[in-house]
Protein backbone atom coordinates (compact mmCIF):
# COMPACT_ATOMS: atom_id res chain seq x y z
CA MET A 1 -79.71 89.44 19.69
CA LEU A 2 -76.60 91.37 18.73
CA TYR A 3 -75.05 88.12 17.75
CA ARG A 4 -77.71 87.17 15.67
CA GLN A 5 -78.03 90.22 14.07
CA ILE A 6 -74.24 90.01 13.44
CA ILE A 7 -74.69 86.72 12.00
CA SER A 8 -77.46 88.05 9.37
CA PHE A 9 -75.18 91.44 8.54
CA THR A 10 -72.58 89.19 7.62
CA ILE A 11 -74.13 86.01 5.54
CA HIS A 12 -76.61 88.43 3.72
CA TYR A 13 -74.62 91.99 3.78
CA THR A 14 -72.51 92.24 0.90
CA ILE A 15 -70.56 95.44 -0.48
CA THR A 16 -69.07 95.46 -4.19
CA ILE A 17 -66.77 98.31 -5.05
CA VAL A 18 -66.35 99.64 -8.58
CA GLY A 19 -64.00 101.81 -10.42
CA LEU A 20 -60.49 100.78 -10.48
CA PRO A 21 -59.95 99.79 -6.83
CA ASP A 22 -56.64 98.85 -6.01
CA LYS A 23 -55.96 95.92 -3.02
CA ALA A 24 -56.44 98.58 -0.24
CA VAL A 25 -59.26 99.94 -1.68
CA SER A 26 -61.37 96.32 -2.24
CA GLU A 27 -60.42 95.48 1.00
CA ALA A 28 -61.96 98.29 2.61
CA ARG A 29 -65.33 96.46 2.48
CA GLU A 30 -63.80 94.30 5.43
CA ARG A 31 -63.02 97.01 7.25
CA VAL A 32 -66.04 99.06 6.80
CA ARG A 33 -68.00 95.69 7.88
CA ALA A 34 -65.94 95.08 10.70
CA ALA A 35 -66.56 98.73 12.15
CA LEU A 36 -70.19 98.81 11.34
CA ALA A 37 -70.70 95.68 13.50
CA SER A 38 -68.88 97.09 16.08
CA MET A 39 -71.04 99.79 16.50
CA GLN A 40 -73.58 96.82 16.64
CA ILE A 41 -75.35 98.27 13.01
CA ALA A 42 -77.07 95.67 11.51
CA LEU A 43 -77.71 96.90 7.60
CA PRO A 44 -80.59 95.68 5.41
CA SER A 45 -79.71 92.40 3.41
CA LYS A 46 -79.09 94.10 0.43
CA LYS A 47 -76.07 94.19 -2.07
CA LEU A 48 -74.48 97.54 -2.23
CA ILE A 49 -72.65 99.18 -4.83
CA ILE A 50 -69.90 101.71 -3.72
CA ASN A 51 -69.06 103.26 -7.41
CA LEU A 52 -65.89 105.08 -7.23
CA SER A 53 -65.72 107.77 -10.13
CA PRO A 54 -64.49 108.40 -12.33
CA ALA A 55 -64.40 104.92 -12.96
CA ASP A 56 -61.52 104.99 -15.24
CA LEU A 57 -58.99 106.47 -12.79
CA PRO A 58 -57.36 103.86 -10.62
CA LYS A 59 -57.89 104.57 -6.96
CA ILE A 60 -55.08 103.99 -4.40
CA GLY A 61 -55.20 103.71 -0.84
CA SER A 62 -57.06 103.17 2.39
CA HIS A 63 -58.06 106.85 3.02
CA PHE A 64 -61.04 105.70 1.12
CA ASP A 65 -62.55 103.49 4.28
CA LEU A 66 -64.05 106.83 5.95
CA PRO A 67 -66.03 108.25 2.87
CA ILE A 68 -67.17 104.64 2.08
CA ALA A 69 -68.72 104.19 5.22
CA ILE A 70 -70.50 107.21 5.62
CA ALA A 71 -72.07 106.95 1.89
CA ILE A 72 -73.26 103.74 3.29
CA LEU A 73 -74.50 105.15 6.50
CA ALA A 74 -76.30 108.08 4.23
CA ALA A 75 -77.69 105.75 1.68
CA THR A 76 -79.06 103.68 4.35
CA GLY A 77 -80.66 106.82 6.34
CA LEU A 78 -78.62 106.95 9.65
CA ILE A 79 -76.87 110.19 8.98
CA PRO A 80 -78.99 113.21 6.66
CA GLU A 81 -77.62 113.02 3.11
CA GLU A 82 -77.34 116.86 2.69
CA LYS A 83 -74.76 116.83 5.55
CA ALA A 84 -72.90 113.99 4.07
CA ALA A 85 -72.87 115.96 0.92
CA LYS A 86 -71.21 118.94 2.31
CA THR A 87 -68.02 116.93 4.10
CA LEU A 88 -65.42 115.82 2.23
CA SER A 89 -63.69 113.39 4.30
CA LEU A 90 -60.53 110.87 4.44
CA GLY A 91 -59.37 108.02 6.96
CA GLU A 92 -58.61 104.31 7.49
CA LEU A 93 -60.74 102.27 9.93
CA ALA A 94 -59.52 99.88 12.06
CA LEU A 95 -61.81 96.81 12.82
CA ASP A 96 -62.79 98.33 16.29
CA GLY A 97 -64.42 101.66 14.11
CA SER A 98 -61.24 103.61 15.11
CA LEU A 99 -59.72 105.80 12.77
CA VAL A 100 -56.08 105.72 11.82
CA ALA A 101 -54.28 108.26 10.30
CA VAL A 102 -53.46 108.62 6.41
CA THR A 103 -51.60 111.17 4.01
CA GLY A 104 -52.86 113.95 2.37
CA ALA A 105 -54.83 115.66 5.03
CA LEU A 106 -53.25 119.07 4.24
CA PRO A 107 -53.97 118.85 0.82
CA ALA A 108 -57.51 117.75 1.50
CA ALA A 109 -58.39 120.67 3.57
CA LEU A 110 -57.57 122.52 0.42
CA LYS A 111 -59.76 120.64 -1.74
CA ALA A 112 -62.57 120.72 1.03
CA ALA A 113 -62.46 124.77 1.23
CA GLU A 114 -62.60 125.30 -2.45
CA LEU A 115 -65.53 123.09 -2.63
CA ASN A 116 -66.93 125.02 0.05
CA CYS A 117 -67.22 121.58 2.31
CA VAL A 118 -65.79 120.86 6.13
CA LEU A 119 -63.69 118.06 6.42
CA ALA A 120 -63.73 114.95 8.70
CA CYS A 121 -60.28 113.06 9.13
CA PRO A 122 -58.65 111.00 11.39
CA GLU A 123 -58.18 112.71 14.63
CA ALA A 124 -53.98 112.37 14.33
CA CYS A 125 -54.80 114.28 11.20
CA GLY A 126 -56.91 117.41 12.69
CA ALA A 127 -53.73 119.35 13.70
CA GLU A 128 -52.47 119.37 10.22
CA ALA A 129 -55.61 119.88 8.22
CA ALA A 130 -56.41 122.55 10.57
CA TRP A 131 -53.37 125.01 8.84
CA VAL A 132 -55.78 125.50 5.84
CA GLY A 133 -57.90 127.80 8.20
CA ALA A 134 -60.52 128.10 5.20
CA THR A 135 -62.61 125.36 6.25
CA PRO A 136 -64.17 123.72 9.46
CA VAL A 137 -61.52 120.33 10.24
CA TYR A 138 -63.29 118.06 12.36
CA GLY A 139 -60.43 115.49 14.17
CA VAL A 140 -62.72 112.31 14.01
CA LYS A 141 -61.36 109.20 17.01
CA THR A 142 -63.84 106.82 15.73
CA LEU A 143 -66.68 106.38 13.38
CA ALA A 144 -69.38 106.13 16.40
CA HIS A 145 -68.37 109.93 17.20
CA LEU A 146 -68.85 110.74 13.80
CA LEU A 147 -72.56 109.26 13.49
CA ARG A 148 -73.25 111.23 16.89
CA HIS A 149 -71.78 114.07 15.56
CA PHE A 150 -74.04 114.17 11.97
CA SER A 151 -77.07 113.08 14.33
CA GLY A 152 -76.14 116.23 16.41
CA ASP A 153 -76.17 114.32 19.47
CA ARG A 154 -72.95 115.24 20.24
CA PRO A 155 -71.09 117.83 17.68
CA LEU A 156 -67.29 117.37 17.78
CA HIS A 157 -64.65 120.34 18.23
CA GLU A 158 -63.22 121.81 15.39
CA ALA A 159 -59.07 120.98 15.23
CA HIS A 160 -56.77 123.22 15.72
CA PRO A 161 -53.17 123.79 13.85
CA GLY A 162 -50.44 121.87 15.41
CA GLU A 163 -47.33 123.67 16.38
CA ILE A 164 -44.73 125.86 14.28
CA THR A 165 -41.44 124.20 14.77
CA LEU A 166 -38.51 126.71 14.41
CA PRO A 167 -35.51 125.69 12.74
CA SER A 168 -32.77 124.83 15.60
CA HIS A 169 -29.32 123.72 14.40
CA ALA A 170 -26.65 122.57 16.54
CA ARG A 171 -23.99 123.20 13.89
CA ASP A 172 -22.13 125.89 13.23
CA LEU A 173 -20.21 127.92 10.19
CA ARG A 174 -17.50 128.32 12.50
CA ASP A 175 -16.72 124.86 12.56
CA VAL A 176 -14.85 125.07 9.72
CA LYS A 177 -11.21 125.68 9.62
CA GLY A 178 -10.30 127.60 6.77
CA GLN A 179 -12.14 127.45 3.35
CA GLU A 180 -12.65 131.30 3.82
CA LYS A 181 -13.48 131.81 -0.02
CA ALA A 182 -16.17 128.77 0.20
CA LYS A 183 -17.52 130.01 2.84
CA ARG A 184 -17.98 133.59 0.84
CA ALA A 185 -19.48 131.50 -2.15
CA LEU A 186 -21.92 129.64 0.60
CA GLU A 187 -23.02 132.89 1.80
CA ILE A 188 -23.98 134.45 -1.67
CA ALA A 189 -25.85 130.96 -2.39
CA ALA A 190 -27.76 131.17 0.33
CA ALA A 191 -28.62 134.91 -0.18
CA GLY A 192 -29.88 134.52 -3.77
CA GLY A 193 -30.52 130.95 -3.95
CA HIS A 194 -28.05 130.01 -6.32
CA HIS A 195 -26.62 126.49 -7.31
CA MET A 196 -23.46 125.76 -6.03
CA PHE A 197 -20.57 122.85 -7.07
CA MET A 198 -17.70 122.37 -5.39
CA VAL A 199 -14.84 120.56 -6.08
CA GLY A 200 -12.02 119.13 -3.63
CA THR A 201 -9.93 116.39 -2.24
CA PRO A 202 -11.44 114.02 0.39
CA GLY A 203 -11.50 115.77 3.50
CA SER A 204 -11.38 119.05 2.35
CA GLY A 205 -14.85 120.08 3.93
CA LYS A 206 -17.59 119.94 1.02
CA SER A 207 -20.00 117.81 2.97
CA MET A 208 -19.28 119.79 6.23
CA LEU A 209 -20.13 123.48 4.80
CA ALA A 210 -23.04 121.88 2.40
CA ALA A 211 -24.38 120.32 6.23
CA ARG A 212 -24.28 123.67 7.71
CA LEU A 213 -25.75 126.01 4.70
CA PRO A 214 -29.54 125.28 6.84
CA THR A 215 -28.29 127.42 9.72
CA ILE A 216 -27.73 130.73 7.42
CA LEU A 217 -31.11 130.02 5.22
CA PRO A 218 -33.68 131.94 6.67
CA PRO A 219 -36.86 130.29 7.96
CA LEU A 220 -39.46 129.55 5.40
CA SER A 221 -42.30 132.16 4.93
CA ALA A 222 -45.95 131.38 5.74
CA GLN A 223 -46.58 130.81 2.27
CA GLU A 224 -43.58 128.99 2.03
CA ALA A 225 -44.16 126.70 4.68
CA LEU A 226 -47.52 125.92 3.42
CA GLU A 227 -46.47 124.96 -0.04
CA THR A 228 -43.77 122.60 1.20
CA SER A 229 -46.29 120.83 4.32
CA ILE A 230 -48.50 120.22 1.46
CA ILE A 231 -46.01 117.97 -0.11
CA HIS A 232 -44.34 116.84 2.70
CA SER A 233 -48.21 115.54 3.93
CA LEU A 234 -48.62 113.53 0.58
CA ALA A 235 -45.17 111.81 1.61
CA GLY A 236 -46.35 111.63 5.51
CA LEU A 237 -43.52 113.27 6.37
CA LEU A 238 -45.21 115.82 8.57
CA ASP A 239 -44.95 115.21 12.48
CA GLU A 240 -47.98 114.84 15.12
CA GLY A 241 -49.92 117.94 12.63
CA GLY A 242 -47.03 120.53 12.73
CA ILE A 243 -45.60 122.80 10.26
CA SER A 244 -41.75 123.38 10.50
CA ARG A 245 -40.48 126.91 9.30
CA ALA A 246 -36.80 125.11 8.57
CA ARG A 247 -36.46 125.07 4.88
CA PRO A 248 -35.70 121.17 3.62
CA PHE A 249 -32.40 120.24 3.33
CA ARG A 250 -32.49 116.27 1.35
CA GLU A 251 -29.49 114.21 0.94
CA PRO A 252 -30.13 111.33 -1.50
CA HIS A 253 -27.72 108.64 -1.60
CA HIS A 254 -25.97 108.21 -5.40
CA THR A 255 -27.94 104.87 -5.65
CA ALA A 256 -30.99 106.55 -5.38
CA SER A 257 -33.51 105.64 -8.32
CA MET A 258 -34.87 107.94 -10.79
CA ALA A 259 -38.55 107.95 -9.20
CA ALA A 260 -36.97 108.56 -5.88
CA ILE A 261 -35.45 111.83 -7.07
CA VAL A 262 -37.35 112.59 -9.29
CA GLY A 263 -41.34 111.39 -8.48
CA GLY A 264 -42.95 108.21 -9.41
CA GLY A 265 -43.73 104.73 -8.12
CA ARG A 266 -47.23 103.69 -6.95
CA GLY A 267 -49.21 106.63 -7.17
CA ALA A 268 -46.26 109.02 -8.83
CA GLN A 269 -45.29 110.13 -5.08
CA PRO A 270 -43.17 113.55 -4.93
CA GLY A 271 -39.76 112.61 -5.13
CA GLU A 272 -36.46 114.13 -4.17
CA ILE A 273 -36.35 117.19 -5.83
CA SER A 274 -39.91 118.30 -5.07
CA LEU A 275 -39.67 117.10 -0.98
CA ALA A 276 -36.23 120.17 -1.01
CA HIS A 277 -38.69 122.66 -2.55
CA ASN A 278 -37.91 125.85 -1.24
CA GLY A 279 -35.08 124.64 0.29
CA VAL A 280 -32.12 122.50 -0.44
CA LEU A 281 -31.04 119.31 -2.48
CA PHE A 282 -27.34 118.10 -1.52
CA LEU A 283 -26.10 115.68 -4.04
CA ASP A 284 -22.57 114.53 -2.38
CA GLU A 285 -20.37 112.46 -4.92
CA LEU A 286 -22.29 113.91 -7.95
CA PRO A 287 -20.35 112.08 -10.76
CA GLU A 288 -21.42 108.58 -8.82
CA PHE A 289 -25.16 109.56 -9.58
CA PRO A 290 -26.24 107.65 -13.16
CA ARG A 291 -26.27 110.08 -15.93
CA PRO A 292 -29.94 109.54 -16.62
CA VAL A 293 -31.00 110.41 -13.14
CA LEU A 294 -28.61 113.62 -13.08
CA GLU A 295 -29.95 114.42 -16.44
CA THR A 296 -33.43 114.53 -15.47
CA LEU A 297 -32.62 117.43 -13.10
CA ARG A 298 -32.14 119.96 -15.89
CA GLN A 299 -35.52 120.90 -16.73
CA PRO A 300 -36.81 121.15 -13.10
CA ILE A 301 -33.95 123.38 -12.21
CA GLU A 302 -35.30 125.99 -14.89
CA SER A 303 -38.95 125.51 -14.57
CA GLY A 304 -39.28 124.90 -10.95
CA GLU A 305 -41.72 122.09 -10.98
CA VAL A 306 -41.70 118.67 -12.59
CA MET A 307 -44.12 116.75 -14.37
CA VAL A 308 -44.54 113.01 -12.94
CA ALA A 309 -46.11 111.41 -16.04
CA ARG A 310 -47.36 107.38 -15.72
CA ALA A 311 -49.49 105.34 -18.08
CA ASN A 312 -51.94 105.76 -15.23
CA ALA A 313 -51.50 108.84 -13.42
CA HIS A 314 -50.33 112.77 -14.32
CA MET A 315 -48.87 114.50 -11.59
CA ARG A 316 -47.50 118.01 -11.25
CA TYR A 317 -45.23 118.92 -8.29
CA PRO A 318 -43.66 122.30 -7.62
CA ALA A 319 -39.54 121.57 -7.59
CA ARG A 320 -37.83 125.19 -6.72
CA PHE A 321 -34.61 124.18 -4.96
CA MET A 322 -31.29 125.12 -4.19
CA LEU A 323 -28.83 122.37 -5.98
CA VAL A 324 -25.65 122.04 -4.23
CA ALA A 325 -23.59 119.13 -5.30
CA ALA A 326 -19.78 118.09 -4.08
CA ALA A 327 -17.28 115.97 -5.77
CA ASN A 328 -14.03 114.33 -5.72
CA PRO A 329 -11.44 115.73 -8.93
CA CYS A 330 -11.13 112.23 -9.65
CA LYS A 331 -11.61 108.61 -8.81
CA CYS A 332 -8.91 108.33 -6.42
CA GLY A 333 -9.88 111.79 -4.82
CA TYR A 334 -6.02 112.56 -5.17
CA LEU A 335 -5.35 114.54 -8.50
CA PRO A 336 -3.74 117.87 -7.29
CA ASP A 337 -1.56 116.05 -4.92
CA PRO A 338 1.65 114.32 -7.00
CA GLU A 339 2.44 112.18 -4.15
CA ARG A 340 -0.97 110.54 -3.79
CA ALA A 341 -2.39 110.77 -7.26
CA CYS A 342 -2.97 107.39 -8.71
CA ALA A 343 -1.03 106.71 -12.45
CA LYS A 344 -3.92 107.67 -14.85
CA VAL A 345 -3.47 111.53 -13.82
CA PRO A 346 -4.80 113.50 -15.44
CA LEU A 347 -7.07 111.44 -17.65
CA CYS A 348 -8.57 110.07 -14.87
CA GLY A 349 -10.03 113.53 -13.66
CA GLU A 350 -11.36 114.14 -17.25
CA ASP A 351 -12.98 110.77 -17.19
CA TYR A 352 -14.45 111.05 -13.64
CA LEU A 353 -15.80 114.60 -14.09
CA GLY A 354 -16.71 114.21 -17.80
CA ARG A 355 -19.67 112.36 -16.19
CA ILE A 356 -21.40 115.46 -15.49
CA SER A 357 -22.66 116.71 -18.95
CA GLY A 358 -22.04 120.07 -20.09
CA PRO A 359 -25.78 121.49 -19.79
CA LEU A 360 -26.19 120.42 -16.26
CA MET A 361 -22.80 121.86 -15.42
CA ASP A 362 -23.40 125.33 -17.04
CA ARG A 363 -26.81 125.42 -14.82
CA PHE A 364 -24.65 125.84 -11.64
CA ASP A 365 -24.01 129.30 -10.51
CA LEU A 366 -21.13 128.86 -8.22
CA ARG A 367 -18.33 126.71 -8.93
CA LEU A 368 -15.41 126.84 -6.55
CA ASP A 369 -12.65 124.27 -6.53
CA MET A 370 -11.61 123.56 -2.63
CA PRO A 371 -7.55 122.63 -1.80
CA PRO A 372 -6.82 120.57 1.30
CA VAL A 373 -6.83 121.71 4.63
CA GLN A 374 -3.61 122.41 6.16
CA PHE A 375 -2.54 120.87 9.47
CA GLN A 376 -1.58 123.71 11.27
CA ASP A 377 -5.40 125.53 9.88
CA LEU A 378 -6.83 122.73 12.20
CA ASP A 379 -4.99 124.01 15.16
CA LEU A 380 -6.22 127.63 14.86
CA PRO A 381 -9.34 128.87 16.87
CA PRO A 382 -12.50 129.37 15.09
CA SER A 383 -12.28 131.97 11.94
CA GLY A 384 -14.93 134.03 10.52
CA ASP A 385 -18.49 134.78 11.35
CA SER A 386 -20.73 132.67 13.36
CA SER A 387 -23.85 130.94 11.60
CA ALA A 388 -25.49 133.30 12.99
CA VAL A 389 -24.11 137.01 12.12
CA VAL A 390 -23.85 135.21 8.03
CA ALA A 391 -27.57 134.48 8.93
CA ALA A 392 -28.30 138.22 9.79
CA ARG A 393 -26.53 138.87 6.55
CA VAL A 394 -28.45 136.35 4.23
CA ALA A 395 -31.94 137.50 5.54
CA GLU A 396 -30.75 141.04 5.10
CA ALA A 397 -30.54 140.58 1.36
CA ARG A 398 -33.19 138.11 0.90
CA ALA A 399 -35.24 141.17 2.40
CA LEU A 400 -34.39 143.32 -0.60
CA GLN A 401 -35.24 140.48 -2.94
CA LEU A 402 -38.70 140.21 -1.25
CA GLU A 403 -39.35 143.93 -1.52
CA ARG A 404 -37.59 144.33 -5.40
CA TYR A 405 -39.70 141.69 -6.60
CA GLU A 406 -43.23 142.07 -5.15
CA GLY A 407 -45.93 141.27 -7.32
CA SER A 408 -43.70 139.45 -9.99
CA GLY A 409 -43.94 135.75 -8.95
CA PHE A 410 -40.37 135.64 -8.21
CA ARG A 411 -38.84 135.35 -4.85
CA THR A 412 -34.81 135.69 -4.91
CA ASN A 413 -32.38 136.67 -7.67
CA ALA A 414 -31.50 133.25 -8.68
CA GLN A 415 -35.01 132.98 -10.23
CA ILE A 416 -35.05 136.58 -12.15
CA GLU A 417 -35.35 136.44 -15.84
CA GLY A 418 -36.23 138.36 -19.03
CA GLN A 419 -36.88 142.20 -19.07
CA LEU A 420 -36.67 142.07 -15.19
CA LEU A 421 -33.41 140.97 -15.02
CA GLU A 422 -31.97 143.31 -17.52
CA GLU A 423 -33.27 145.96 -15.58
CA VAL A 424 -32.25 144.67 -11.94
CA ALA A 425 -28.79 143.48 -13.23
CA ALA A 426 -27.52 145.92 -15.78
CA PRO A 427 -23.75 146.38 -14.85
CA ASP A 428 -22.43 150.08 -15.01
CA THR A 429 -19.62 150.43 -17.72
CA GLU A 430 -16.56 148.94 -16.61
CA GLY A 431 -18.80 146.28 -15.07
CA ARG A 432 -20.14 145.55 -18.99
CA GLU A 433 -16.31 145.71 -20.56
CA ILE A 434 -14.97 143.15 -17.90
CA LEU A 435 -18.39 140.67 -18.58
CA GLN A 436 -17.95 140.97 -22.18
CA LYS A 437 -14.20 139.72 -22.31
CA ALA A 438 -14.78 137.89 -20.03
CA ALA A 439 -17.69 135.88 -21.66
CA GLU A 440 -15.44 135.76 -24.72
CA ARG A 441 -12.43 134.55 -22.88
CA LEU A 442 -14.27 131.92 -20.62
CA GLY A 443 -16.71 130.58 -23.81
CA LEU A 444 -19.60 131.62 -21.56
CA SER A 445 -23.13 130.20 -23.23
CA ALA A 446 -25.91 132.94 -23.14
CA ARG A 447 -27.44 130.77 -19.80
CA GLY A 448 -23.92 131.53 -17.90
CA TYR A 449 -23.73 134.79 -18.94
CA HIS A 450 -27.15 135.18 -17.28
CA ARG A 451 -26.09 133.44 -14.36
CA VAL A 452 -22.91 135.32 -13.68
CA LEU A 453 -25.54 138.71 -13.55
CA ARG A 454 -27.82 137.03 -11.32
CA VAL A 455 -24.74 136.31 -8.93
CA ALA A 456 -23.62 139.63 -9.45
CA ARG A 457 -26.69 141.12 -8.03
CA THR A 458 -26.63 138.85 -4.98
CA ILE A 459 -23.16 140.09 -4.34
CA ALA A 460 -23.99 143.71 -4.54
CA ASP A 461 -27.06 143.02 -2.65
CA LEU A 462 -24.78 141.68 0.32
CA ALA A 463 -22.86 144.89 0.12
CA GLY A 464 -26.22 146.75 0.43
CA GLU A 465 -25.65 148.76 -2.98
CA ALA A 466 -28.15 149.18 -5.90
CA ASP A 467 -25.86 149.12 -8.60
CA ILE A 468 -23.67 146.51 -10.24
CA CYS A 469 -19.85 147.53 -10.45
CA ARG A 470 -17.20 146.18 -11.46
CA PRO A 471 -15.94 144.73 -8.54
CA HIS A 472 -19.45 142.55 -8.14
CA LEU A 473 -19.14 140.97 -11.72
CA ALA A 474 -15.37 140.10 -11.27
CA GLU A 475 -16.05 138.21 -7.89
CA ALA A 476 -18.89 136.28 -9.97
CA LEU A 477 -16.73 135.77 -12.61
CA SER A 478 -14.08 134.04 -10.21
CA TYR A 479 -16.95 131.47 -9.38
CA ARG A 480 -17.20 129.96 -12.83
CA VAL A 481 -13.57 128.77 -13.13
CA VAL A 482 -12.79 125.28 -11.80
CA SER A 483 -9.73 123.52 -13.41
CA GLY A 484 -11.04 120.55 -15.38
CA LEU A 485 -14.88 121.75 -15.98
CA PRO A 486 -16.31 123.52 -18.85
CA ASN A 487 -17.32 126.83 -18.00
């Protein structure tokens, strides 16, 4: 008898999906058909039309499987329509009716809370979606389990949030021998959220320093962790529903495309600058990146967000990140070394670093030359403070900034602007004099002038001083001068 029901279902029952479905959505009818057959459900021999509204918006992804199945079961009276109407769902169906994990469960839970609905999602996504905490989330193992839940026969239990992953680092800032000025600049960058650019010969420690930046950054706050995890959920980067408190550290290769860096591709997915939100974007060998890719960074650096606009999709993603970049002084890398430099010195350095436009270079708060490390320094014991000690100073400076900017929408000194910048970063008389002289001599732009003030504010915070004085500004100005680069 069951065999005859399945044959009848296969021959007479047809599903048509309209509303610009892509291939994955169109194939949902076969997955739903097989899942219902596995539950021994034979539907009437009628043609069912699934309308995905709005009809002019392309639908992409396999997460439409579960909503389509619920709609069919509700339309045929197998589950109460009122319960189906109050349930937001997503999930991919396997042929046996089990649910397969999909991306985007966390933002779906936020939308469910906004609509005052419950969320039904695959069991593997439940721990992730439960982090929202504002609406019930049910992790569903199979479609049959959900059917019994709707009928009241066997209600599902609400999902619980996954584990919080705290930052853990095997690297330490003390691993870096020499480069004391660079370590100091790294601490300032971490304390104020400033962008940083390092120029030095191969092997001078640029990448090594950048890799240790996460070890001195404070963990994400609860709000920051949720913001970052929503983006990572869309990209499918959350592990087993856990939310990490470690700040993102993204280091794309210089062959990355514009869509990979900024966002785009199929479904206008978030790019590296959004995946680095509230964290660090490290671009090693900066001049090797294509010029158009680098120029697209200018607007997100200022606004803290990016609009990915395509013909069929417009997505706005947050992109407030610390940009840390490194470069050799020239193509061969040995411009300062007369014995190893190529025959094109000094034009090779000008041509190489000239690939970085002035407007982009103007957006780096801290710039520094990194001289080669002397061999005798490598034999010395570790110098300077450990990452734990530096991280404590950074955390204290960040706490001052959070208290200072509470209610303003800003979190770090690197973000402040306008009247607030003039209030909190106003130098004393001596400091203003040195700043004005340096601005004239170095030819600082208005943007560069304000960035010096922001860095000076961070230096004062690290020193525990309320006012910005001459030494703070002098140190901030010392990070604006790099040979071969505009100020």
